[in-house]
Amino acid sequence: PAPTSPIIHAQSQEEALLQIYNPVEDSDRLKAQPELFEELRGNYPLRREEKAYIIKIE
């Protein structure tokens, strides 16, 4: 499925990519609940590739 918000507004390409996928969020979830590692690893949030978005650098 297409992303619910396909347009990304950002000040840089790096910021846009972090809006698409920020690995720190996964890291924080795993660190907060290490006992749920297998469950978290098996149920990552749905992600889209960069080409699924229209990136507008402002």
PDB file of N, CA and C in Angstrom:
ATOM      1  N   PRO A   1       0.822  -1.213   0.000  1.00  0.00           N
ATOM      2  CA  PRO A   1       0.000   0.000   0.000  1.00  0.00           C
ATOM      3  C   PRO A   1       0.856   1.263   0.000  1.00  0.00           C
ATOM      4  N   ALA A   2       0.287   2.298  -0.531  1.00  0.00           N
ATOM      5  CA  ALA A   2       0.987   3.587  -0.568  1.00  0.00           C
ATOM      6  C   ALA A   2       1.041   4.179   0.834  1.00  0.00           C
ATOM      7  N   PRO A   3       2.043   5.030   1.094  1.00  0.00           N
ATOM      8  CA  PRO A   3       2.103   5.678   2.407  1.00  0.00           C
ATOM      9  C   PRO A   3       0.892   6.585   2.614  1.00  0.00           C
ATOM     10  N   THR A   4       0.461   6.740   3.861  1.00  0.00           N
ATOM     11  CA  THR A   4      -0.689   7.595   4.145  1.00  0.00           C
ATOM     12  C   THR A   4      -0.365   9.061   3.901  1.00  0.00           C
ATOM     13  N   SER A   5       0.879   9.448   4.108  1.00  0.00           N
ATOM     14  CA  SER A   5       1.329  10.825   3.843  1.00  0.00           C
ATOM     15  C   SER A   5       2.515  10.755   2.888  1.00  0.00           C
ATOM     16  N   PRO A   6       2.261  10.758   1.576  1.00  0.00           N
ATOM     17  CA  PRO A   6       3.351  10.546   0.625  1.00  0.00           C
ATOM     18  C   PRO A   6       4.271  11.747   0.408  1.00  0.00           C
ATOM     19  N   ILE A   7       3.883  12.916   0.897  1.00  0.00           N
ATOM     20  CA  ILE A   7       4.723  14.104   0.711  1.00  0.00           C
ATOM     21  C   ILE A   7       5.488  14.380   1.994  1.00  0.00           C
ATOM     22  N   ILE A   8       6.802  14.488   1.853  1.00  0.00           N
ATOM     23  CA  ILE A   8       7.667  14.750   3.004  1.00  0.00           C
ATOM     24  C   ILE A   8       8.263  16.136   2.831  1.00  0.00           C
ATOM     25  N   HIS A   9       8.068  16.977   3.829  1.00  0.00           N
ATOM     26  CA  HIS A   9       8.666  18.310   3.853  1.00  0.00           C
ATOM     27  C   HIS A   9       9.837  18.267   4.821  1.00  0.00           C
ATOM     28  N   ALA A  10      11.011  18.680   4.347  1.00  0.00           N
ATOM     29  CA  ALA A  10      12.198  18.632   5.191  1.00  0.00           C
ATOM     30  C   ALA A  10      13.163  19.734   4.778  1.00  0.00           C
ATOM     31  N   GLN A  11      14.114  20.001   5.654  1.00  0.00           N
ATOM     32  CA  GLN A  11      15.121  21.019   5.358  1.00  0.00           C
ATOM     33  C   GLN A  11      16.338  20.428   4.660  1.00  0.00           C
ATOM     34  N   SER A  12      16.464  19.105   4.666  1.00  0.00           N
ATOM     35  CA  SER A  12      17.587  18.449   3.995  1.00  0.00           C
ATOM     36  C   SER A  12      17.173  17.033   3.599  1.00  0.00           C
ATOM     37  N   GLN A  13      17.957  16.444   2.720  1.00  0.00           N
ATOM     38  CA  GLN A  13      17.709  15.061   2.316  1.00  0.00           C
ATOM     39  C   GLN A  13      17.840  14.124   3.518  1.00  0.00           C
ATOM     40  N   GLU A  14      18.825  14.398   4.363  1.00  0.00           N
ATOM     41  CA  GLU A  14      19.036  13.566   5.547  1.00  0.00           C
ATOM     42  C   GLU A  14      17.819  13.599   6.469  1.00  0.00           C
ATOM     43  N   GLU A  15      17.264  14.795   6.673  1.00  0.00           N
ATOM     44  CA  GLU A  15      16.072  14.924   7.521  1.00  0.00           C
ATOM     45  C   GLU A  15      14.895  14.171   6.905  1.00  0.00           C
ATOM     46  N   ALA A  16      14.763  14.260   5.593  1.00  0.00           N
ATOM     47  CA  ALA A  16      13.679  13.551   4.909  1.00  0.00           C
ATOM     48  C   ALA A  16      13.810  12.045   5.109  1.00  0.00           C
ATOM     49  N   LEU A  17      15.020  11.528   4.973  1.00  0.00           N
ATOM     50  CA  LEU A  17      15.230  10.091   5.151  1.00  0.00           C
ATOM     51  C   LEU A  17      14.924   9.658   6.576  1.00  0.00           C
ATOM     52  N   LEU A  18      15.251  10.497   7.551  1.00  0.00           N
ATOM     53  CA  LEU A  18      14.934  10.165   8.942  1.00  0.00           C
ATOM     54  C   LEU A  18      13.430  10.201   9.198  1.00  0.00           C
ATOM     55  N   GLN A  19      12.714  11.017   8.446  1.00  0.00           N
ATOM     56  CA  GLN A  19      11.254  11.007   8.572  1.00  0.00           C
ATOM     57  C   GLN A  19      10.674   9.715   7.990  1.00  0.00           C
ATOM     58  N   ILE A  20      11.304   9.212   6.943  1.00  0.00           N
ATOM     59  CA  ILE A  20      10.858   7.957   6.340  1.00  0.00           C
ATOM     60  C   ILE A  20      11.172   6.794   7.268  1.00  0.00           C
ATOM     61  N   TYR A  21      12.397   6.757   7.768  1.00  0.00           N
ATOM     62  CA  TYR A  21      12.790   5.695   8.700  1.00  0.00           C
ATOM     63  C   TYR A  21      13.888   6.213   9.611  1.00  0.00           C
ATOM     64  N   ASN A  22      13.593   6.228  10.894  1.00  0.00           N
ATOM     65  CA  ASN A  22      14.570   6.648  11.891  1.00  0.00           C
ATOM     66  C   ASN A  22      14.961   5.418  12.715  1.00  0.00           C
ATOM     67  N   PRO A  23      16.164   4.883  12.488  1.00  0.00           N
ATOM     68  CA  PRO A  23      16.568   3.671  13.201  1.00  0.00           C
ATOM     69  C   PRO A  23      16.686   3.861  14.710  1.00  0.00           C
ATOM     70  N   VAL A  24      16.811   5.103  15.157  1.00  0.00           N
ATOM     71  CA  VAL A  24      16.901   5.368  16.595  1.00  0.00           C
ATOM     72  C   VAL A  24      15.605   4.949  17.291  1.00  0.00           C
ATOM     73  N   GLU A  25      14.471   5.097  16.623  1.00  0.00           N
ATOM     74  CA  GLU A  25      13.196   4.695  17.224  1.00  0.00           C
ATOM     75  C   GLU A  25      13.171   3.191  17.498  1.00  0.00           C
ATOM     76  N   ASP A  26      13.649   2.390  16.538  1.00  0.00           N
ATOM     77  CA  ASP A  26      13.734   0.939  16.765  1.00  0.00           C
ATOM     78  C   ASP A  26      14.687   0.640  17.910  1.00  0.00           C
ATOM     79  N   SER A  27      15.820   1.302  17.907  1.00  0.00           N
ATOM     80  CA  SER A  27      16.820   1.093  18.956  1.00  0.00           C
ATOM     81  C   SER A  27      16.244   1.425  20.327  1.00  0.00           C
ATOM     82  N   ASP A  28      15.557   2.549  20.417  1.00  0.00           N
ATOM     83  CA  ASP A  28      14.969   2.959  21.698  1.00  0.00           C
ATOM     84  C   ASP A  28      13.937   1.946  22.195  1.00  0.00           C
ATOM     85  N   ARG A  29      13.100   1.441  21.280  1.00  0.00           N
ATOM     86  CA  ARG A  29      12.095   0.435  21.668  1.00  0.00           C
ATOM     87  C   ARG A  29      12.770  -0.829  22.195  1.00  0.00           C
ATOM     88  N   LEU A  30      13.804  -1.266  21.506  1.00  0.00           N
ATOM     89  CA  LEU A  30      14.508  -2.481  21.929  1.00  0.00           C
ATOM     90  C   LEU A  30      15.227  -2.281  23.257  1.00  0.00           C
ATOM     91  N   LYS A  31      15.826  -1.120  23.447  1.00  0.00           N
ATOM     92  CA  LYS A  31      16.530  -0.841  24.703  1.00  0.00           C
ATOM     93  C   LYS A  31      15.559  -0.703  25.870  1.00  0.00           C
ATOM     94  N   ALA A  32      14.377  -0.157  25.600  1.00  0.00           N
ATOM     95  CA  ALA A  32      13.389   0.038  26.663  1.00  0.00           C
ATOM     96  C   ALA A  32      12.782  -1.292  27.117  1.00  0.00           C
ATOM     97  N   GLN A  33      12.690  -2.252  26.199  1.00  0.00           N
ATOM     98  CA  GLN A  33      12.068  -3.540  26.532  1.00  0.00           C
ATOM     99  C   GLN A  33      12.862  -4.693  25.910  1.00  0.00           C
ATOM    100  N   PRO A  34      14.088  -4.917  26.366  1.00  0.00           N
ATOM    101  CA  PRO A  34      14.909  -5.972  25.753  1.00  0.00           C
ATOM    102  C   PRO A  34      14.282  -7.362  25.846  1.00  0.00           C
ATOM    103  N   GLU A  35      13.439  -7.570  26.837  1.00  0.00           N
ATOM    104  CA  GLU A  35      12.795  -8.880  26.973  1.00  0.00           C
ATOM    105  C   GLU A  35      11.802  -9.151  25.843  1.00  0.00           C
ATOM    106  N   LEU A  36      11.408  -8.109  25.126  1.00  0.00           N
ATOM    107  CA  LEU A  36      10.466  -8.261  24.008  1.00  0.00           C
ATOM    108  C   LEU A  36      11.178  -8.293  22.656  1.00  0.00           C
ATOM    109  N   PHE A  37      12.483  -8.564  22.679  1.00  0.00           N
ATOM    110  CA  PHE A  37      13.284  -8.520  21.453  1.00  0.00           C
ATOM    111  C   PHE A  37      12.638  -9.285  20.302  1.00  0.00           C
ATOM    112  N   GLU A  38      12.314 -10.543  20.507  1.00  0.00           N
ATOM    113  CA  GLU A  38      11.759 -11.361  19.416  1.00  0.00           C
ATOM    114  C   GLU A  38      10.430 -10.805  18.914  1.00  0.00           C
ATOM    115  N   GLU A  39       9.588 -10.362  19.824  1.00  0.00           N
ATOM    116  CA  GLU A  39       8.294  -9.795  19.418  1.00  0.00           C
ATOM    117  C   GLU A  39       8.489  -8.499  18.633  1.00  0.00           C
ATOM    118  N   LEU A  40       9.341  -7.612  19.140  1.00  0.00           N
ATOM    119  CA  LEU A  40       9.589  -6.347  18.451  1.00  0.00           C
ATOM    120  C   LEU A  40      10.236  -6.589  17.091  1.00  0.00           C
ATOM    121  N   ARG A  41      11.181  -7.502  17.045  1.00  0.00           N
ATOM    122  CA  ARG A  41      11.873  -7.803  15.796  1.00  0.00           C
ATOM    123  C   ARG A  41      10.922  -8.392  14.764  1.00  0.00           C
ATOM    124  N   GLY A  42       9.947  -9.144  15.214  1.00  0.00           N
ATOM    125  CA  GLY A  42       8.997  -9.758  14.299  1.00  0.00           C
ATOM    126  C   GLY A  42       7.841  -8.855  13.912  1.00  0.00           C
ATOM    127  N   ASN A  43       7.736  -7.693  14.540  1.00  0.00           N
ATOM    128  CA  ASN A  43       6.606  -6.792  14.283  1.00  0.00           C
ATOM    129  C   ASN A  43       7.055  -5.352  14.072  1.00  0.00           C
ATOM    130  N   TYR A  44       8.066  -5.182  13.239  1.00  0.00           N
ATOM    131  CA  TYR A  44       8.515  -3.822  12.940  1.00  0.00           C
ATOM    132  C   TYR A  44       7.399  -3.051  12.246  1.00  0.00           C
ATOM    133  N   PRO A  45       7.328  -1.737  12.468  1.00  0.00           N
ATOM    134  CA  PRO A  45       6.334  -0.926  11.760  1.00  0.00           C
ATOM    135  C   PRO A  45       6.550  -1.012  10.240  1.00  0.00           C
ATOM    136  N   LEU A  46       5.478  -0.914   9.502  1.00  0.00           N
ATOM    137  CA  LEU A  46       5.550  -0.944   8.047  1.00  0.00           C
ATOM    138  C   LEU A  46       6.357   0.250   7.551  1.00  0.00           C
ATOM    139  N   ARG A  47       7.266  -0.015   6.629  1.00  0.00           N
ATOM    140  CA  ARG A  47       8.111   1.058   6.087  1.00  0.00           C
ATOM    141  C   ARG A  47       8.040   1.050   4.574  1.00  0.00           C
ATOM    142  N   ARG A  48       8.303   2.194   4.009  1.00  0.00           N
ATOM    143  CA  ARG A  48       8.320   2.340   2.560  1.00  0.00           C
ATOM    144  C   ARG A  48       9.706   2.785   2.118  1.00  0.00           C
ATOM    145  N   GLU A  49      10.042   2.460   0.881  1.00  0.00           N
ATOM    146  CA  GLU A  49      11.298   2.927   0.312  1.00  0.00           C
ATOM    147  C   GLU A  49      11.171   4.409  -0.029  1.00  0.00           C
ATOM    148  N   GLU A  50      12.312   5.045  -0.162  1.00  0.00           N
ATOM    149  CA  GLU A  50      12.352   6.481  -0.460  1.00  0.00           C
ATOM    150  C   GLU A  50      11.539   6.820  -1.710  1.00  0.00           C
ATOM    151  N   LYS A  51      11.578   5.971  -2.718  1.00  0.00           N
ATOM    152  CA  LYS A  51      10.879   6.273  -3.976  1.00  0.00           C
ATOM    153  C   LYS A  51       9.356   6.284  -3.837  1.00  0.00           C
ATOM    154  N   ALA A  52       8.832   5.847  -2.709  1.00  0.00           N
ATOM    155  CA  ALA A  52       7.385   5.876  -2.475  1.00  0.00           C
ATOM    156  C   ALA A  52       6.910   7.270  -2.063  1.00  0.00           C
ATOM    157  N   TYR A  53       7.854   8.169  -1.835  1.00  0.00           N
ATOM    158  CA  TYR A  53       7.533   9.504  -1.330  1.00  0.00           C
ATOM    159  C   TYR A  53       7.919  10.595  -2.318  1.00  0.00           C
ATOM    160  N   ILE A  54       7.285  11.723  -2.149  1.00  0.00           N
ATOM    161  CA  ILE A  54       7.686  12.952  -2.833  1.00  0.00           C
ATOM    162  C   ILE A  54       8.368  13.793  -1.765  1.00  0.00           C
ATOM    163  N   ILE A  55       9.651  14.028  -1.947  1.00  0.00           N
ATOM    164  CA  ILE A  55      10.421  14.770  -0.949  1.00  0.00           C
ATOM    165  C   ILE A  55      10.558  16.213  -1.403  1.00  0.00           C
ATOM    166  N   LYS A  56      10.137  17.127  -0.534  1.00  0.00           N
ATOM    167  CA  LYS A  56      10.232  18.564  -0.816  1.00  0.00           C
ATOM    168  C   LYS A  56      11.202  19.179   0.181  1.00  0.00           C
ATOM    169  N   ILE A  57      12.370  19.577  -0.331  1.00  0.00           N
ATOM    170  CA  ILE A  57      13.375  20.227   0.508  1.00  0.00           C
ATOM    171  C   ILE A  57      13.029  21.709   0.551  1.00  0.00           C
ATOM    172  N   GLU A  58      12.861  22.226   1.768  1.00  0.00           N
ATOM    173  CA  GLU A  58      12.432  23.626   1.929  1.00  0.00           C
ATOM    174  C   GLU A  58      13.488  24.428   2.647  1.00  0.00           C
TER     175      GLU A  58
END
